[in-house]
N, C-alpha and C. Protein backbone atom coordinates (compact mmCIF):
# COMPACT_ATOMS: atom_id res chain seq x y z
N MET A 1 -27.19 -30.10 83.65
CA MET A 1 -26.27 -31.15 83.20
C MET A 1 -27.03 -32.26 82.59
N PHE A 2 -28.21 -32.47 82.85
CA PHE A 2 -28.94 -33.65 82.24
C PHE A 2 -29.18 -33.31 80.71
N LYS A 3 -29.35 -32.12 80.38
CA LYS A 3 -29.62 -31.80 78.98
C LYS A 3 -28.34 -32.01 78.15
N ILE A 4 -27.13 -31.67 78.79
CA ILE A 4 -25.90 -32.01 78.10
C ILE A 4 -25.75 -33.46 77.85
N ALA A 5 -26.11 -34.21 78.90
CA ALA A 5 -26.07 -35.69 78.75
C ALA A 5 -26.92 -36.21 77.69
N ILE A 6 -28.14 -35.53 77.59
CA ILE A 6 -29.09 -35.84 76.48
C ILE A 6 -28.43 -35.60 75.10
N VAL A 7 -27.81 -34.60 74.91
CA VAL A 7 -27.08 -34.24 73.61
C VAL A 7 -26.00 -35.25 73.37
N LEU A 8 -25.23 -35.60 74.32
CA LEU A 8 -24.19 -36.68 74.18
C LEU A 8 -24.79 -38.02 73.84
N PHE A 9 -25.73 -38.37 74.49
CA PHE A 9 -26.39 -39.62 74.25
C PHE A 9 -27.05 -39.62 72.82
N ALA A 10 -27.59 -38.49 72.40
CA ALA A 10 -28.22 -38.41 71.06
C ALA A 10 -27.14 -38.61 69.98
N VAL A 11 -26.03 -37.98 70.17
CA VAL A 11 -24.94 -38.20 69.13
C VAL A 11 -24.56 -39.63 69.14
N ALA A 12 -24.36 -40.26 70.39
CA ALA A 12 -24.05 -41.66 70.40
C ALA A 12 -25.09 -42.48 69.64
N ALA A 13 -26.36 -42.09 69.80
CA ALA A 13 -27.41 -42.81 69.35
C ALA A 13 -27.37 -42.88 67.69
N VAL A 14 -27.14 -41.63 67.18
CA VAL A 14 -26.93 -41.52 65.81
C VAL A 14 -25.83 -42.52 65.24
N ALA A 15 -24.69 -42.49 65.87
CA ALA A 15 -23.74 -43.44 65.46
C ALA A 15 -24.02 -44.79 65.71
N GLY A 16 -24.71 -45.06 66.81
CA GLY A 16 -25.18 -46.50 67.11
C GLY A 16 -26.14 -46.92 65.99
N LEU A 17 -27.17 -46.12 65.72
CA LEU A 17 -28.13 -46.50 64.65
C LEU A 17 -27.41 -46.70 63.28
N THR A 18 -26.46 -45.92 63.07
CA THR A 18 -25.69 -46.08 61.76
C THR A 18 -24.96 -47.48 61.66
N MET A 19 -24.34 -47.84 62.90
CA MET A 19 -23.70 -49.19 62.92
C MET A 19 -24.74 -50.26 62.89
N ALA A 20 -25.96 -50.18 63.56
CA ALA A 20 -26.90 -51.20 63.58
C ALA A 20 -27.49 -51.37 62.11
N VAL A 21 -27.78 -50.34 61.42
CA VAL A 21 -28.36 -50.52 60.12
C VAL A 21 -27.33 -51.14 59.30
N ALA A 22 -25.92 -50.79 59.41
CA ALA A 22 -24.89 -51.44 58.51
C ALA A 22 -24.86 -52.91 58.99
N HIS A 23 -24.92 -53.28 60.25
CA HIS A 23 -24.78 -54.54 60.67
C HIS A 23 -25.86 -55.46 60.11
N PHE A 24 -27.05 -55.03 60.12
CA PHE A 24 -28.23 -55.76 59.57
C PHE A 24 -28.33 -55.73 58.01
N ARG A 25 -27.46 -54.97 57.39
CA ARG A 25 -27.27 -55.06 55.95
C ARG A 25 -26.14 -55.89 55.55
N GLY A 26 -25.49 -56.49 56.55
CA GLY A 26 -24.37 -57.41 56.25
C GLY A 26 -23.03 -56.80 56.37
N GLN A 27 -22.94 -55.52 56.73
CA GLN A 27 -21.52 -54.78 56.71
C GLN A 27 -21.17 -54.83 58.10
N THR A 28 -20.62 -55.90 58.54
CA THR A 28 -20.17 -56.12 59.96
C THR A 28 -18.88 -56.67 60.06
N PRO A 29 -18.05 -56.45 61.01
CA PRO A 29 -18.22 -55.49 62.12
C PRO A 29 -18.19 -54.08 61.55
N PRO A 30 -18.67 -53.03 62.38
CA PRO A 30 -18.61 -51.66 61.88
C PRO A 30 -17.22 -51.09 61.84
N LYS A 31 -17.04 -50.06 61.18
CA LYS A 31 -15.75 -49.30 61.25
C LYS A 31 -15.41 -49.06 62.58
N LEU A 32 -14.04 -49.39 62.84
CA LEU A 32 -13.69 -49.20 64.30
C LEU A 32 -13.80 -47.69 64.81
N ALA A 33 -13.44 -46.75 63.86
CA ALA A 33 -13.54 -45.28 64.18
C ALA A 33 -15.07 -44.98 64.65
N LEU A 34 -15.97 -45.42 63.87
CA LEU A 34 -17.34 -45.22 64.14
C LEU A 34 -17.81 -45.78 65.59
N ALA A 35 -17.25 -47.05 65.77
CA ALA A 35 -17.56 -47.70 67.10
C ALA A 35 -16.92 -46.92 68.33
N LEU A 36 -15.70 -46.41 68.04
CA LEU A 36 -15.09 -45.70 69.09
C LEU A 36 -15.72 -44.34 69.43
N LEU A 37 -16.15 -43.66 68.21
CA LEU A 37 -16.91 -42.39 68.41
C LEU A 37 -18.18 -42.65 69.21
N HIS A 38 -18.98 -43.72 68.78
CA HIS A 38 -20.07 -44.09 69.59
C HIS A 38 -19.96 -44.29 71.08
N GLY A 39 -18.88 -45.11 71.28
CA GLY A 39 -18.48 -45.29 72.67
C GLY A 39 -18.06 -44.12 73.48
N LEU A 40 -17.28 -43.29 72.84
CA LEU A 40 -16.73 -42.02 73.45
C LEU A 40 -17.89 -41.11 73.80
N PHE A 41 -18.92 -40.88 73.00
CA PHE A 41 -19.94 -40.08 73.30
C PHE A 41 -20.89 -40.67 74.31
N ALA A 42 -21.18 -41.98 74.25
CA ALA A 42 -21.93 -42.72 75.20
C ALA A 42 -21.29 -42.67 76.59
N ALA A 43 -19.94 -42.95 76.72
CA ALA A 43 -19.21 -42.80 77.92
C ALA A 43 -19.37 -41.35 78.53
N SER A 44 -19.17 -40.39 77.74
CA SER A 44 -19.21 -39.02 78.19
C SER A 44 -20.58 -38.70 78.59
N GLY A 45 -21.58 -39.17 77.99
CA GLY A 45 -22.99 -39.06 78.56
C GLY A 45 -23.15 -39.67 79.89
N LEU A 46 -22.61 -40.89 80.09
CA LEU A 46 -22.66 -41.50 81.40
C LEU A 46 -21.92 -40.65 82.47
N VAL A 47 -20.79 -40.14 82.10
CA VAL A 47 -20.10 -39.36 83.12
C VAL A 47 -20.87 -38.06 83.53
N VAL A 48 -21.41 -37.38 82.45
CA VAL A 48 -22.13 -36.22 82.81
C VAL A 48 -23.43 -36.43 83.54
N LEU A 49 -24.11 -37.63 83.19
CA LEU A 49 -25.33 -38.06 83.83
C LEU A 49 -24.96 -38.30 85.34
N LEU A 50 -23.86 -39.04 85.54
CA LEU A 50 -23.58 -39.27 86.93
C LEU A 50 -23.22 -38.01 87.70
N LEU A 51 -22.43 -37.13 87.14
CA LEU A 51 -22.19 -35.90 87.81
C LEU A 51 -23.44 -35.19 88.15
N GLY A 52 -24.32 -35.10 87.22
CA GLY A 52 -25.65 -34.49 87.44
C GLY A 52 -26.40 -35.13 88.65
N LEU A 53 -26.38 -36.47 88.74
CA LEU A 53 -27.05 -37.14 89.83
C LEU A 53 -26.31 -36.87 91.16
N ILE A 54 -24.98 -36.72 91.16
CA ILE A 54 -24.27 -36.44 92.34
C ILE A 54 -24.60 -35.10 92.77
N ARG A 55 -24.68 -34.13 91.80
CA ARG A 55 -24.97 -32.69 92.09
C ARG A 55 -26.36 -32.56 92.81
N ILE A 56 -27.45 -33.22 92.28
CA ILE A 56 -28.78 -33.01 92.83
C ILE A 56 -29.08 -34.00 93.89
N GLY A 57 -28.21 -35.03 94.04
CA GLY A 57 -28.53 -36.21 94.98
C GLY A 57 -29.07 -37.34 94.21
N ALA A 58 -28.45 -38.44 94.36
CA ALA A 58 -28.75 -39.51 93.43
C ALA A 58 -30.17 -40.11 93.77
N GLY A 59 -30.93 -40.35 92.86
CA GLY A 59 -32.19 -41.04 93.05
C GLY A 59 -33.19 -40.55 91.97
N GLY A 60 -34.43 -41.11 92.02
CA GLY A 60 -35.40 -40.73 91.00
C GLY A 60 -35.20 -41.25 89.65
N THR A 61 -36.02 -40.76 88.69
CA THR A 61 -36.04 -41.24 87.34
C THR A 61 -34.64 -41.09 86.67
N PRO A 62 -33.86 -39.97 86.90
CA PRO A 62 -32.50 -39.92 86.28
C PRO A 62 -31.63 -41.15 86.80
N ALA A 63 -31.80 -41.63 87.96
CA ALA A 63 -31.04 -42.68 88.43
C ALA A 63 -31.43 -44.04 87.66
N TYR A 64 -32.75 -44.07 87.39
CA TYR A 64 -33.20 -45.39 86.55
C TYR A 64 -32.54 -45.24 85.16
N ALA A 65 -32.51 -44.12 84.65
CA ALA A 65 -31.96 -43.89 83.31
C ALA A 65 -30.46 -44.26 83.31
N LEU A 66 -29.72 -43.92 84.35
CA LEU A 66 -28.34 -44.27 84.47
C LEU A 66 -28.20 -45.75 84.62
N GLY A 67 -29.04 -46.43 85.43
CA GLY A 67 -29.03 -47.92 85.51
C GLY A 67 -29.16 -48.60 84.18
N LEU A 68 -30.17 -48.12 83.32
CA LEU A 68 -30.36 -48.69 82.13
C LEU A 68 -29.20 -48.46 81.21
N PHE A 69 -28.58 -47.24 81.15
CA PHE A 69 -27.46 -47.00 80.37
C PHE A 69 -26.22 -47.75 80.75
N LEU A 70 -26.05 -48.10 82.05
CA LEU A 70 -24.95 -48.84 82.61
C LEU A 70 -25.07 -50.26 82.07
N VAL A 71 -26.19 -50.85 82.11
CA VAL A 71 -26.38 -52.14 81.57
C VAL A 71 -26.20 -52.15 80.14
N ALA A 72 -26.70 -51.16 79.36
CA ALA A 72 -26.48 -51.08 77.87
C ALA A 72 -24.89 -50.99 77.64
N ALA A 73 -24.24 -50.29 78.50
CA ALA A 73 -22.79 -50.19 78.30
C ALA A 73 -22.10 -51.57 78.46
N LEU A 74 -22.62 -52.38 79.34
CA LEU A 74 -21.92 -53.63 79.48
C LEU A 74 -22.23 -54.48 78.17
N GLY A 75 -23.31 -54.31 77.53
CA GLY A 75 -23.58 -54.96 76.19
C GLY A 75 -22.65 -54.33 75.15
N GLY A 76 -22.52 -53.05 75.29
CA GLY A 76 -21.49 -52.33 74.31
C GLY A 76 -20.10 -52.90 74.51
N PHE A 77 -19.57 -53.04 75.73
CA PHE A 77 -18.26 -53.58 75.89
C PHE A 77 -18.16 -54.95 75.34
N THR A 78 -19.25 -55.70 75.53
CA THR A 78 -19.23 -57.13 75.00
C THR A 78 -19.19 -57.14 73.38
N LEU A 79 -19.97 -56.18 72.89
CA LEU A 79 -19.92 -56.02 71.45
C LEU A 79 -18.61 -55.66 70.92
N LEU A 80 -17.90 -54.70 71.67
CA LEU A 80 -16.59 -54.20 71.32
C LEU A 80 -15.55 -55.44 71.29
N SER A 81 -15.78 -56.27 72.35
CA SER A 81 -14.83 -57.39 72.45
C SER A 81 -14.94 -58.37 71.29
N TYR A 82 -16.22 -58.52 70.73
CA TYR A 82 -16.45 -59.38 69.58
C TYR A 82 -15.74 -58.64 68.39
N HIS A 83 -15.96 -57.33 68.32
CA HIS A 83 -15.39 -56.61 67.17
C HIS A 83 -13.94 -56.76 67.21
N LEU A 84 -13.25 -56.54 68.31
CA LEU A 84 -11.82 -56.57 68.38
C LEU A 84 -11.27 -57.93 68.08
N ARG A 85 -12.01 -58.95 68.37
CA ARG A 85 -11.52 -60.29 68.11
C ARG A 85 -11.87 -60.80 66.64
N GLY A 86 -12.57 -60.02 65.93
CA GLY A 86 -12.85 -60.30 64.48
C GLY A 86 -14.06 -61.26 64.45
N ARG A 87 -14.81 -61.33 65.50
CA ARG A 87 -15.99 -62.32 65.44
C ARG A 87 -17.24 -61.60 65.08
N PRO A 88 -18.10 -62.34 64.42
CA PRO A 88 -19.37 -61.68 64.13
C PRO A 88 -20.14 -61.29 65.16
N LEU A 89 -20.84 -60.18 65.19
CA LEU A 89 -21.59 -59.65 66.23
C LEU A 89 -22.90 -60.38 66.37
N PRO A 90 -23.26 -60.79 67.52
CA PRO A 90 -24.58 -61.47 67.60
C PRO A 90 -25.71 -60.50 67.45
N ASN A 91 -26.75 -60.87 66.61
CA ASN A 91 -27.84 -60.08 66.42
C ASN A 91 -28.59 -59.80 67.65
N GLY A 92 -28.82 -60.67 68.59
CA GLY A 92 -29.60 -60.48 69.77
C GLY A 92 -28.85 -59.55 70.62
N LEU A 93 -27.51 -59.52 70.71
CA LEU A 93 -26.91 -58.59 71.59
C LEU A 93 -26.87 -57.23 70.97
N VAL A 94 -26.88 -57.13 69.70
CA VAL A 94 -26.95 -55.73 68.96
C VAL A 94 -28.32 -55.09 69.34
N VAL A 95 -29.36 -55.98 69.17
CA VAL A 95 -30.71 -55.55 69.48
C VAL A 95 -30.93 -55.20 70.97
N GLY A 96 -30.57 -56.12 71.83
CA GLY A 96 -30.64 -55.87 73.23
C GLY A 96 -29.78 -54.59 73.71
N HIS A 97 -28.64 -54.34 73.21
CA HIS A 97 -27.90 -53.24 73.56
C HIS A 97 -28.64 -52.03 73.13
N ALA A 98 -29.26 -51.97 72.07
CA ALA A 98 -29.97 -50.80 71.42
C ALA A 98 -31.15 -50.61 72.28
N LEU A 99 -31.94 -51.58 72.57
CA LEU A 99 -33.21 -51.47 73.23
C LEU A 99 -32.88 -50.92 74.66
N LEU A 100 -31.91 -51.43 75.35
CA LEU A 100 -31.59 -50.80 76.65
C LEU A 100 -31.10 -49.35 76.65
N ALA A 101 -30.33 -49.06 75.56
CA ALA A 101 -29.96 -47.57 75.43
C ALA A 101 -31.14 -46.77 75.11
N VAL A 102 -32.01 -47.24 74.29
CA VAL A 102 -33.23 -46.35 73.96
C VAL A 102 -34.08 -46.27 75.17
N ALA A 103 -34.24 -47.30 76.03
CA ALA A 103 -34.98 -47.19 77.17
C ALA A 103 -34.33 -46.16 78.11
N GLY A 104 -33.16 -46.19 78.23
CA GLY A 104 -32.43 -45.27 79.09
C GLY A 104 -32.51 -43.78 78.57
N PHE A 105 -32.58 -43.67 77.26
CA PHE A 105 -32.63 -42.28 76.76
C PHE A 105 -34.06 -41.78 76.81
N VAL A 106 -35.07 -42.63 76.63
CA VAL A 106 -36.45 -42.15 76.85
C VAL A 106 -36.63 -41.87 78.34
N THR A 107 -36.12 -42.66 79.15
CA THR A 107 -36.33 -42.43 80.70
C THR A 107 -35.59 -41.18 80.98
N LEU A 108 -34.49 -40.79 80.45
CA LEU A 108 -33.76 -39.58 80.77
C LEU A 108 -34.65 -38.46 80.28
N LEU A 109 -35.07 -38.49 78.96
CA LEU A 109 -35.96 -37.44 78.37
C LEU A 109 -37.13 -37.24 79.29
N ALA A 110 -37.80 -38.28 79.74
CA ALA A 110 -39.01 -38.20 80.73
C ALA A 110 -38.58 -37.49 81.92
N ALA A 111 -37.52 -37.83 82.37
CA ALA A 111 -36.99 -37.24 83.69
C ALA A 111 -36.81 -35.71 83.60
N VAL A 112 -36.30 -35.29 82.37
CA VAL A 112 -36.01 -33.92 82.30
C VAL A 112 -37.09 -33.09 81.69
N PHE A 113 -37.95 -33.72 80.89
CA PHE A 113 -39.04 -32.81 80.24
C PHE A 113 -40.33 -33.13 80.74
N VAL A 114 -40.62 -34.19 81.44
CA VAL A 114 -41.91 -34.54 81.95
C VAL A 114 -41.97 -34.36 83.55
N VAL A 115 -40.99 -35.11 84.14
CA VAL A 115 -40.88 -35.01 85.58
C VAL A 115 -40.30 -33.80 86.14
N GLY A 116 -39.37 -33.26 85.31
CA GLY A 116 -38.76 -31.94 85.61
C GLY A 116 -37.51 -32.00 86.57
N ALA A 117 -36.78 -33.03 86.26
CA ALA A 117 -35.48 -33.19 87.20
C ALA A 117 -34.50 -32.06 86.87
């Protein structure tokens, strides 16, 4: 299940990177469809990761990845609220959201391919 979560998060990451590049090029806020696609894949990845943790018993490196992704999701919801209100997205929040998500992704990759969860 963790490998499925990796694929879902990877698709979310591509959409997120696309939005971040557009944001820092001054094309902000991103298109709502792309933001929703990003959120859909990220949320799906969270659900699959959580199910995988429940299946094997919560704990270890995958649980740390889940924690990082959950904090990143809070940032994502905050960014979505800015978007829906038509307010400019704060650069620091965009970067912080991305860094947390990347940290979660790298942690999950390490859990699956290095630690062997």
